[in-house]
Amino acid sequence: MEKRKLKQLPHRKHFISSMAKNIIAAFCVLCFSLLMGMIGYHCLFNIGWVDSLLNASMILTGMGPVDKAETDGAKLFASFYAIYSGVAFLTSVAVLFAPVLHRYLHKFHMDVEE
C-alpha cells in the first residue's frame, strides 16, 4: 500500500478569494430572484413596489406570502415562484458554505473514495 504525501493547506488568501467569489455569486442569485419576484408581484398582484419587495422577500426566505392572490395568473405565479425560491435560496446557502466545507476537508485530509 502506497503512502500518500499530505499536501499543505491552501493559503488563507486562496480561501478568502474563494469565499468572496461565492458570496458575490450567491448575492447575484438572490438579487436576481428577488427582482424577478418583485416584477411578478407588481404586475400580477397589482401592488406597489415596496409591497412587491415584501412579498418576494417573504417567499424567497420561506416565510410565506403576505398578500392574497386574486387572479389565476397571480396564483400560478405565486406557486411557481415559491418552488423556484426554495431551490434558489437553498442553493445560494450551499454556495456560501462550499469553500468552508472544502477547507475543512483539506484541513483534516479527508479523501473521498470513488
Protein backbone atom coordinates (compact mmCIF):
# COMPACT_ATOMS: atom_id res chain seq x y z
CA MET A 1 0.00 0.00 0.00
CA GLU A 2 1.39 3.32 -1.03
CA LYS A 3 1.56 6.18 1.44
CA ARG A 4 0.21 9.44 0.12
CA LYS A 5 2.01 12.68 0.70
CA LEU A 6 -0.12 15.07 2.71
CA LYS A 7 -0.46 18.35 0.91
CA GLN A 8 -0.33 21.60 2.79
CA LEU A 9 -3.49 23.50 3.47
CA PRO A 10 -4.14 26.05 0.70
CA HIS A 11 -3.10 29.58 1.64
CA ARG A 12 -5.59 31.76 3.50
CA LYS A 13 -5.65 34.23 0.57
CA HIS A 14 -6.97 31.44 -1.66
CA PHE A 15 -9.74 30.69 0.85
CA ILE A 16 -10.69 34.36 1.22
CA SER A 17 -10.70 34.81 -2.55
CA SER A 18 -12.89 31.73 -2.99
CA MET A 19 -15.21 32.90 -0.23
CA ALA A 20 -15.52 36.36 -1.82
CA LYS A 21 -16.37 34.87 -5.22
CA ASN A 22 -19.02 32.63 -3.70
CA ILE A 23 -20.52 35.49 -1.69
CA ILE A 24 -20.82 37.55 -4.87
CA ALA A 25 -22.35 34.61 -6.77
CA ALA A 26 -24.89 33.91 -4.01
CA PHE A 27 -25.72 37.63 -3.75
CA CYS A 28 -26.32 37.81 -7.51
CA VAL A 29 -28.62 34.77 -7.45
CA LEU A 30 -30.60 36.21 -4.54
CA CYS A 31 -30.83 39.67 -6.13
CA PHE A 32 -31.99 38.19 -9.44
CA SER A 33 -34.56 36.06 -7.64
CA LEU A 34 -35.80 39.00 -5.60
CA LEU A 35 -36.06 41.22 -8.69
CA MET A 36 -37.94 38.53 -10.61
CA GLY A 37 -40.37 38.14 -7.71
CA MET A 38 -40.84 41.89 -7.34
CA ILE A 39 -41.71 42.28 -11.02
CA GLY A 40 -44.12 39.34 -10.89
CA TYR A 41 -45.85 40.56 -7.77
CA HIS A 42 -46.04 44.13 -9.07
CA CYS A 43 -47.53 43.15 -12.43
CA LEU A 44 -49.78 40.24 -11.44
CA PHE A 45 -50.93 41.29 -7.98
CA ASN A 46 -51.26 44.99 -8.89
CA ILE A 47 -49.47 46.15 -5.73
CA GLY A 48 -46.78 48.78 -5.19
CA TRP A 49 -43.05 48.15 -5.40
CA VAL A 50 -42.49 48.16 -1.65
CA ASP A 51 -45.26 45.63 -1.12
CA SER A 52 -43.86 43.60 -4.01
CA LEU A 53 -40.44 43.61 -2.32
CA LEU A 54 -42.06 42.46 0.93
CA ASN A 55 -43.93 39.61 -0.74
CA ALA A 56 -40.94 38.49 -2.81
CA SER A 57 -38.55 38.52 0.15
CA MET A 58 -41.02 36.68 2.38
CA ILE A 59 -41.49 33.95 -0.22
CA LEU A 60 -37.76 33.81 -1.02
CA THR A 61 -36.85 33.16 2.61
CA GLY A 62 -39.65 30.66 3.12
CA MET A 63 -41.80 32.75 5.46
CA GLY A 64 -44.90 32.72 3.28
CA PRO A 65 -46.98 35.20 1.29
CA VAL A 66 -48.28 38.47 2.68
CA ASP A 67 -50.93 39.42 0.10
CA LYS A 68 -53.63 37.09 -1.18
CA ALA A 69 -53.64 36.15 -4.88
CA GLU A 70 -56.90 37.16 -6.53
CA THR A 71 -56.47 36.02 -10.16
CA ASP A 72 -55.48 32.68 -11.62
CA GLY A 73 -52.35 34.21 -13.15
CA ALA A 74 -51.29 35.56 -9.78
CA LYS A 75 -51.90 32.18 -8.15
CA LEU A 76 -49.84 30.39 -10.80
CA PHE A 77 -47.01 32.91 -10.48
CA ALA A 78 -47.02 32.62 -6.69
CA SER A 79 -46.90 28.83 -6.91
CA PHE A 80 -44.01 28.66 -9.35
CA TYR A 81 -42.13 31.48 -7.64
CA ALA A 82 -42.42 29.68 -4.30
CA ILE A 83 -40.99 26.47 -5.78
CA TYR A 84 -38.20 28.36 -7.53
CA SER A 85 -37.46 30.41 -4.41
CA GLY A 86 -36.98 27.37 -2.21
CA VAL A 87 -34.42 25.93 -4.60
CA ALA A 88 -32.69 29.28 -5.22
CA PHE A 89 -32.36 30.12 -1.52
CA LEU A 90 -31.02 26.70 -0.53
CA THR A 91 -28.63 26.70 -3.48
CA SER A 92 -27.25 30.11 -2.53
CA VAL A 93 -26.71 28.92 1.06
CA ALA A 94 -24.88 25.84 -0.26
CA VAL A 95 -22.71 28.06 -2.47
CA LEU A 96 -21.84 30.17 0.59
CA PHE A 97 -20.79 27.16 2.67
CA ALA A 98 -18.90 25.31 -0.10
CA PRO A 99 -15.48 26.98 0.49
CA VAL A 100 -15.79 26.41 4.25
CA LEU A 101 -16.53 22.71 3.77
CA HIS A 102 -13.76 22.43 1.18
CA ARG A 103 -11.25 23.97 3.57
CA TYR A 104 -12.46 21.72 6.37
CA LEU A 105 -11.89 18.64 4.21
CA HIS A 106 -8.42 19.91 3.26
CA LYS A 107 -7.55 20.67 6.85
CA PHE A 108 -8.33 17.21 8.11
CA HIS A 109 -7.01 15.48 4.97
CA MET A 110 -10.20 13.63 4.26
CA ASP A 111 -10.22 11.84 0.94
CA VAL A 112 -13.44 10.86 -0.73
CA GLU A 113 -13.14 7.39 -2.27
CA GLU A 114 -14.89 6.66 -5.52
